[in-house]
Amino acid sequence: MTELVFDVVQEADGGYCAECLSENIFTQGETWDELRRNVLEAVTAFFFDRPVPAQIRLHLVRDEVVLVA
């Protein structure tokens, strides 16, 4: 495996939650930088006895409603 993909959701309070799409890995962070550190820590811990993937993709989709009238 060369890449892990995480689906990232921004919570209403401003924090972030990340869930891996192919492995049972979930983490969160109050800021984007904290989330990145926590994802790296969680992936390293999950793969403690096997090779770590070469890269991690954090996929954030922002859903926003803009009122016209």
PDB file of N, CA and C in Angstrom:
ATOM      1  N   MET A   1       0.848  -1.173   0.000  1.00  0.00           N
ATOM      2  CA  MET A   1       0.000   0.000   0.000  1.00  0.00           C
ATOM      3  C   MET A   1       0.896   1.240   0.000  1.00  0.00           C
ATOM      4  N   THR A   2       0.660   2.119  -0.941  1.00  0.00           N
ATOM      5  CA  THR A   2       1.497   3.311  -1.045  1.00  0.00           C
ATOM      6  C   THR A   2       0.822   4.564  -0.496  1.00  0.00           C
ATOM      7  N   GLU A   3      -0.511   4.542  -0.389  1.00  0.00           N
ATOM      8  CA  GLU A   3      -1.218   5.746   0.068  1.00  0.00           C
ATOM      9  C   GLU A   3      -2.433   5.375   0.910  1.00  0.00           C
ATOM     10  N   LEU A   4      -2.632   6.129   1.989  1.00  0.00           N
ATOM     11  CA  LEU A   4      -3.860   6.043   2.779  1.00  0.00           C
ATOM     12  C   LEU A   4      -4.655   7.316   2.518  1.00  0.00           C
ATOM     13  N   VAL A   5      -5.961   7.184   2.405  1.00  0.00           N
ATOM     14  CA  VAL A   5      -6.834   8.336   2.192  1.00  0.00           C
ATOM     15  C   VAL A   5      -7.731   8.482   3.414  1.00  0.00           C
ATOM     16  N   PHE A   6      -7.754   9.699   3.957  1.00  0.00           N
ATOM     17  CA  PHE A   6      -8.614  10.027   5.084  1.00  0.00           C
ATOM     18  C   PHE A   6      -9.688  10.998   4.631  1.00  0.00           C
ATOM     19  N   ASP A   7     -10.924  10.707   5.005  1.00  0.00           N
ATOM     20  CA  ASP A   7     -12.039  11.626   4.792  1.00  0.00           C
ATOM     21  C   ASP A   7     -12.065  12.552   6.002  1.00  0.00           C
ATOM     22  N   VAL A   8     -11.943  13.861   5.777  1.00  0.00           N
ATOM     23  CA  VAL A   8     -11.883  14.835   6.861  1.00  0.00           C
ATOM     24  C   VAL A   8     -13.166  15.661   6.869  1.00  0.00           C
ATOM     25  N   VAL A   9     -13.725  15.837   8.074  1.00  0.00           N
ATOM     26  CA  VAL A   9     -14.931  16.631   8.259  1.00  0.00           C
ATOM     27  C   VAL A   9     -14.612  17.740   9.255  1.00  0.00           C
ATOM     28  N   GLN A  10     -15.010  18.971   8.913  1.00  0.00           N
ATOM     29  CA  GLN A  10     -14.851  20.069   9.872  1.00  0.00           C
ATOM     30  C   GLN A  10     -16.114  20.121  10.722  1.00  0.00           C
ATOM     31  N   GLU A  11     -15.927  20.039  12.030  1.00  0.00           N
ATOM     32  CA  GLU A  11     -17.045  20.049  12.959  1.00  0.00           C
ATOM     33  C   GLU A  11     -17.571  21.474  13.147  1.00  0.00           C
ATOM     34  N   ALA A  12     -18.766  21.596  13.684  1.00  0.00           N
ATOM     35  CA  ALA A  12     -19.385  22.906  13.897  1.00  0.00           C
ATOM     36  C   ALA A  12     -18.562  23.785  14.831  1.00  0.00           C
ATOM     37  N   ASP A  13     -17.842  23.166  15.768  1.00  0.00           N
ATOM     38  CA  ASP A  13     -17.032  23.938  16.722  1.00  0.00           C
ATOM     39  C   ASP A  13     -15.689  24.361  16.136  1.00  0.00           C
ATOM     40  N   GLY A  14     -15.409  23.968  14.889  1.00  0.00           N
ATOM     41  CA  GLY A  14     -14.173  24.354  14.227  1.00  0.00           C
ATOM     42  C   GLY A  14     -13.121  23.273  14.195  1.00  0.00           C
ATOM     43  N   GLY A  15     -13.254  22.234  14.999  1.00  0.00           N
ATOM     44  CA  GLY A  15     -12.296  21.134  14.995  1.00  0.00           C
ATOM     45  C   GLY A  15     -12.478  20.241  13.780  1.00  0.00           C
ATOM     46  N   TYR A  16     -11.589  19.265  13.638  1.00  0.00           N
ATOM     47  CA  TYR A  16     -11.616  18.353  12.493  1.00  0.00           C
ATOM     48  C   TYR A  16     -11.620  16.907  12.955  1.00  0.00           C
ATOM     49  N   CYS A  17     -12.317  16.045  12.222  1.00  0.00           N
ATOM     50  CA  CYS A  17     -12.305  14.594  12.428  1.00  0.00           C
ATOM     51  C   CYS A  17     -11.851  13.952  11.126  1.00  0.00           C
ATOM     52  N   ALA A  18     -10.978  12.935  11.242  1.00  0.00           N
ATOM     53  CA  ALA A  18     -10.461  12.252  10.057  1.00  0.00           C
ATOM     54  C   ALA A  18     -10.652  10.749  10.210  1.00  0.00           C
ATOM     55  N   GLU A  19     -11.201  10.120   9.178  1.00  0.00           N
ATOM     56  CA  GLU A  19     -11.426   8.681   9.166  1.00  0.00           C
ATOM     57  C   GLU A  19     -10.802   8.082   7.911  1.00  0.00           C
ATOM     58  N   CYS A  20      -9.961   7.083   8.108  1.00  0.00           N
ATOM     59  CA  CYS A  20      -9.318   6.412   6.992  1.00  0.00           C
ATOM     60  C   CYS A  20     -10.359   5.592   6.228  1.00  0.00           C
ATOM     61  N   LEU A  21     -10.287   5.616   4.907  1.00  0.00           N
ATOM     62  CA  LEU A  21     -11.258   4.904   4.084  1.00  0.00           C
ATOM     63  C   LEU A  21     -10.935   3.431   3.906  1.00  0.00           C
ATOM     64  N   SER A  22      -9.682   3.027   4.150  1.00  0.00           N
ATOM     65  CA  SER A  22      -9.306   1.634   3.892  1.00  0.00           C
ATOM     66  C   SER A  22      -8.877   0.861   5.141  1.00  0.00           C
ATOM     67  N   GLU A  23      -8.593   1.552   6.219  1.00  0.00           N
ATOM     68  CA  GLU A  23      -8.178   0.907   7.469  1.00  0.00           C
ATOM     69  C   GLU A  23      -9.024   1.460   8.609  1.00  0.00           C
ATOM     70  N   ASN A  24      -8.999   0.788   9.736  1.00  0.00           N
ATOM     71  CA  ASN A  24      -9.786   1.200  10.888  1.00  0.00           C
ATOM     72  C   ASN A  24      -8.997   2.223  11.717  1.00  0.00           C
ATOM     73  N   ILE A  25      -8.830   3.438  11.161  1.00  0.00           N
ATOM     74  CA  ILE A  25      -8.077   4.501  11.819  1.00  0.00           C
ATOM     75  C   ILE A  25      -8.949   5.745  11.862  1.00  0.00           C
ATOM     76  N   PHE A  26      -9.081   6.326  13.050  1.00  0.00           N
ATOM     77  CA  PHE A  26      -9.871   7.537  13.233  1.00  0.00           C
ATOM     78  C   PHE A  26      -9.140   8.438  14.217  1.00  0.00           C
ATOM     79  N   THR A  27      -9.113   9.741  13.949  1.00  0.00           N
ATOM     80  CA  THR A  27      -8.510  10.687  14.875  1.00  0.00           C
ATOM     81  C   THR A  27      -9.139  12.053  14.679  1.00  0.00           C
ATOM     82  N   GLN A  28      -8.767  12.991  15.536  1.00  0.00           N
ATOM     83  CA  GLN A  28      -9.324  14.341  15.455  1.00  0.00           C
ATOM     84  C   GLN A  28      -8.292  15.355  15.906  1.00  0.00           C
ATOM     85  N   GLY A  29      -8.591  16.627  15.657  1.00  0.00           N
ATOM     86  CA  GLY A  29      -7.719  17.706  16.089  1.00  0.00           C
ATOM     87  C   GLY A  29      -8.479  19.012  16.123  1.00  0.00           C
ATOM     88  N   GLU A  30      -8.064  19.907  16.992  1.00  0.00           N
ATOM     89  CA  GLU A  30      -8.718  21.213  17.115  1.00  0.00           C
ATOM     90  C   GLU A  30      -8.354  22.142  15.963  1.00  0.00           C
ATOM     91  N   THR A  31      -7.138  21.983  15.413  1.00  0.00           N
ATOM     92  CA  THR A  31      -6.679  22.793  14.284  1.00  0.00           C
ATOM     93  C   THR A  31      -6.223  21.855  13.171  1.00  0.00           C
ATOM     94  N   TRP A  32      -6.002  22.413  11.979  1.00  0.00           N
ATOM     95  CA  TRP A  32      -5.531  21.600  10.857  1.00  0.00           C
ATOM     96  C   TRP A  32      -4.154  21.009  11.156  1.00  0.00           C
ATOM     97  N   ASP A  33      -3.270  21.819  11.739  1.00  0.00           N
ATOM     98  CA  ASP A  33      -1.929  21.329  12.081  1.00  0.00           C
ATOM     99  C   ASP A  33      -1.976  20.216  13.122  1.00  0.00           C
ATOM    100  N   GLU A  34      -2.836  20.372  14.115  1.00  0.00           N
ATOM    101  CA  GLU A  34      -2.982  19.325  15.129  1.00  0.00           C
ATOM    102  C   GLU A  34      -3.544  18.051  14.503  1.00  0.00           C
ATOM    103  N   LEU A  35      -4.500  18.191  13.594  1.00  0.00           N
ATOM    104  CA  LEU A  35      -5.056  17.025  12.908  1.00  0.00           C
ATOM    105  C   LEU A  35      -3.964  16.294  12.137  1.00  0.00           C
ATOM    106  N   ARG A  36      -3.131  17.035  11.410  1.00  0.00           N
ATOM    107  CA  ARG A  36      -2.046  16.410  10.643  1.00  0.00           C
ATOM    108  C   ARG A  36      -1.112  15.619  11.563  1.00  0.00           C
ATOM    109  N   ARG A  37      -0.722  16.217  12.688  1.00  0.00           N
ATOM    110  CA  ARG A  37       0.143  15.510  13.647  1.00  0.00           C
ATOM    111  C   ARG A  37      -0.544  14.265  14.189  1.00  0.00           C
ATOM    112  N   ASN A  38      -1.824  14.378  14.524  1.00  0.00           N
ATOM    113  CA  ASN A  38      -2.566  13.240  15.077  1.00  0.00           C
ATOM    114  C   ASN A  38      -2.750  12.121  14.053  1.00  0.00           C
ATOM    115  N   VAL A  39      -2.958  12.488  12.792  1.00  0.00           N
ATOM    116  CA  VAL A  39      -3.070  11.471  11.740  1.00  0.00           C
ATOM    117  C   VAL A  39      -1.753  10.714  11.606  1.00  0.00           C
ATOM    118  N   LEU A  40      -0.645  11.438  11.568  1.00  0.00           N
ATOM    119  CA  LEU A  40       0.670  10.779  11.478  1.00  0.00           C
ATOM    120  C   LEU A  40       0.913   9.851  12.664  1.00  0.00           C
ATOM    121  N   GLU A  41       0.566  10.309  13.857  1.00  0.00           N
ATOM    122  CA  GLU A  41       0.735   9.489  15.060  1.00  0.00           C
ATOM    123  C   GLU A  41      -0.145   8.239  15.005  1.00  0.00           C
ATOM    124  N   ALA A  42      -1.401   8.409  14.584  1.00  0.00           N
ATOM    125  CA  ALA A  42      -2.330   7.277  14.514  1.00  0.00           C
ATOM    126  C   ALA A  42      -1.887   6.256  13.467  1.00  0.00           C
ATOM    127  N   VAL A  43      -1.412   6.725  12.322  1.00  0.00           N
ATOM    128  CA  VAL A  43      -0.958   5.819  11.265  1.00  0.00           C
ATOM    129  C   VAL A  43       0.293   5.069  11.715  1.00  0.00           C
ATOM    130  N   THR A  44       1.220   5.771  12.336  1.00  0.00           N
ATOM    131  CA  THR A  44       2.442   5.132  12.832  1.00  0.00           C
ATOM    132  C   THR A  44       2.101   4.062  13.861  1.00  0.00           C
ATOM    133  N   ALA A  45       1.179   4.359  14.761  1.00  0.00           N
ATOM    134  CA  ALA A  45       0.779   3.374  15.774  1.00  0.00           C
ATOM    135  C   ALA A  45       0.062   2.182  15.135  1.00  0.00           C
ATOM    136  N   PHE A  46      -0.802   2.436  14.157  1.00  0.00           N
ATOM    137  CA  PHE A  46      -1.555   1.369  13.510  1.00  0.00           C
ATOM    138  C   PHE A  46      -0.629   0.408  12.766  1.00  0.00           C
ATOM    139  N   PHE A  47       0.401   0.943  12.130  1.00  0.00           N
ATOM    140  CA  PHE A  47       1.329   0.136  11.346  1.00  0.00           C
ATOM    141  C   PHE A  47       2.616  -0.153  12.117  1.00  0.00           C
ATOM    142  N   PHE A  48       2.541  -0.289  13.443  1.00  0.00           N
ATOM    143  CA  PHE A  48       3.745  -0.463  14.255  1.00  0.00           C
ATOM    144  C   PHE A  48       4.547  -1.700  13.880  1.00  0.00           C
ATOM    145  N   ASP A  49       3.907  -2.722  13.354  1.00  0.00           N
ATOM    146  CA  ASP A  49       4.612  -3.966  13.048  1.00  0.00           C
ATOM    147  C   ASP A  49       4.685  -4.260  11.545  1.00  0.00           C
ATOM    148  N   ARG A  50       4.370  -3.273  10.721  1.00  0.00           N
ATOM    149  CA  ARG A  50       4.446  -3.429   9.266  1.00  0.00           C
ATOM    150  C   ARG A  50       4.873  -2.110   8.642  1.00  0.00           C
ATOM    151  N   PRO A  51       5.253  -2.141   7.384  1.00  0.00           N
ATOM    152  CA  PRO A  51       5.697  -0.905   6.719  1.00  0.00           C
ATOM    153  C   PRO A  51       4.583   0.142   6.649  1.00  0.00           C
ATOM    154  N   VAL A  52       4.952   1.375   6.928  1.00  0.00           N
ATOM    155  CA  VAL A  52       4.005   2.497   6.873  1.00  0.00           C
ATOM    156  C   VAL A  52       3.836   2.916   5.411  1.00  0.00           C
ATOM    157  N   PRO A  53       2.611   3.254   4.982  1.00  0.00           N
ATOM    158  CA  PRO A  53       2.412   3.734   3.608  1.00  0.00           C
ATOM    159  C   PRO A  53       3.284   4.953   3.304  1.00  0.00           C
ATOM    160  N   ALA A  54       3.611   5.134   2.048  1.00  0.00           N
ATOM    161  CA  ALA A  54       4.510   6.215   1.628  1.00  0.00           C
ATOM    162  C   ALA A  54       3.885   7.593   1.795  1.00  0.00           C
ATOM    163  N   GLN A  55       2.574   7.694   1.660  1.00  0.00           N
ATOM    164  CA  GLN A  55       1.934   8.994   1.800  1.00  0.00           C
ATOM    165  C   GLN A  55       0.525   8.863   2.344  1.00  0.00           C
ATOM    166  N   ILE A  56       0.048   9.983   2.880  1.00  0.00           N
ATOM    167  CA  ILE A  56      -1.299  10.067   3.444  1.00  0.00           C
ATOM    168  C   ILE A  56      -2.000  11.227   2.759  1.00  0.00           C
ATOM    169  N   ARG A  57      -3.210  10.975   2.303  1.00  0.00           N
ATOM    170  CA  ARG A  57      -4.005  12.029   1.664  1.00  0.00           C
ATOM    171  C   ARG A  57      -5.142  12.399   2.618  1.00  0.00           C
ATOM    172  N   LEU A  58      -5.237  13.694   2.949  1.00  0.00           N
ATOM    173  CA  LEU A  58      -6.332  14.210   3.764  1.00  0.00           C
ATOM    174  C   LEU A  58      -7.325  14.884   2.831  1.00  0.00           C
ATOM    175  N   HIS A  59      -8.511  14.309   2.730  1.00  0.00           N
ATOM    176  CA  HIS A  59      -9.521  14.783   1.784  1.00  0.00           C
ATOM    177  C   HIS A  59     -10.599  15.539   2.557  1.00  0.00           C
ATOM    178  N   LEU A  60     -10.612  16.862   2.417  1.00  0.00           N
ATOM    179  CA  LEU A  60     -11.592  17.720   3.084  1.00  0.00           C
ATOM    180  C   LEU A  60     -12.517  18.317   2.041  1.00  0.00           C
ATOM    181  N   VAL A  61     -13.814  18.091   2.217  1.00  0.00           N
ATOM    182  CA  VAL A  61     -14.821  18.697   1.344  1.00  0.00           C
ATOM    183  C   VAL A  61     -15.590  19.691   2.194  1.00  0.00           C
ATOM    184  N   ARG A  62     -15.664  20.894   1.713  1.00  0.00           N
ATOM    185  CA  ARG A  62     -16.370  21.933   2.448  1.00  0.00           C
ATOM    186  C   ARG A  62     -17.750  22.125   1.833  1.00  0.00           C
ATOM    187  N   ASP A  63     -18.769  21.993   2.648  1.00  0.00           N
ATOM    188  CA  ASP A  63     -20.147  22.146   2.199  1.00  0.00           C
ATOM    189  C   ASP A  63     -20.677  23.445   2.777  1.00  0.00           C
ATOM    190  N   GLU A  64     -21.024  24.396   1.914  1.00  0.00           N
ATOM    191  CA  GLU A  64     -21.478  25.695   2.375  1.00  0.00           C
ATOM    192  C   GLU A  64     -22.727  26.111   1.599  1.00  0.00           C
ATOM    193  N   VAL A  65     -23.714  26.633   2.315  1.00  0.00           N
ATOM    194  CA  VAL A  65     -24.929  27.118   1.693  1.00  0.00           C
ATOM    195  C   VAL A  65     -24.880  28.640   1.708  1.00  0.00           C
ATOM    196  N   VAL A  66     -25.061  29.245   0.533  1.00  0.00           N
ATOM    197  CA  VAL A  66     -25.058  30.694   0.407  1.00  0.00           C
ATOM    198  C   VAL A  66     -26.472  31.120   0.012  1.00  0.00           C
ATOM    199  N   LEU A  67     -27.079  31.960   0.847  1.00  0.00           N
ATOM    200  CA  LEU A  67     -28.420  32.444   0.541  1.00  0.00           C
ATOM    201  C   LEU A  67     -28.346  33.595  -0.434  1.00  0.00           C
ATOM    202  N   VAL A  68     -29.185  33.561  -1.452  1.00  0.00           N
ATOM    203  CA  VAL A  68     -29.159  34.572  -2.494  1.00  0.00           C
ATOM    204  C   VAL A  68     -30.100  35.721  -2.144  1.00  0.00           C
ATOM    205  N   ALA A  69     -31.231  35.398  -1.584  1.00  0.00           N
ATOM    206  CA  ALA A  69     -32.213  36.449  -1.308  1.00  0.00           C
ATOM    207  C   ALA A  69     -32.362  36.698   0.166  1.00  0.00           C
TER     208      ALA A  69
END
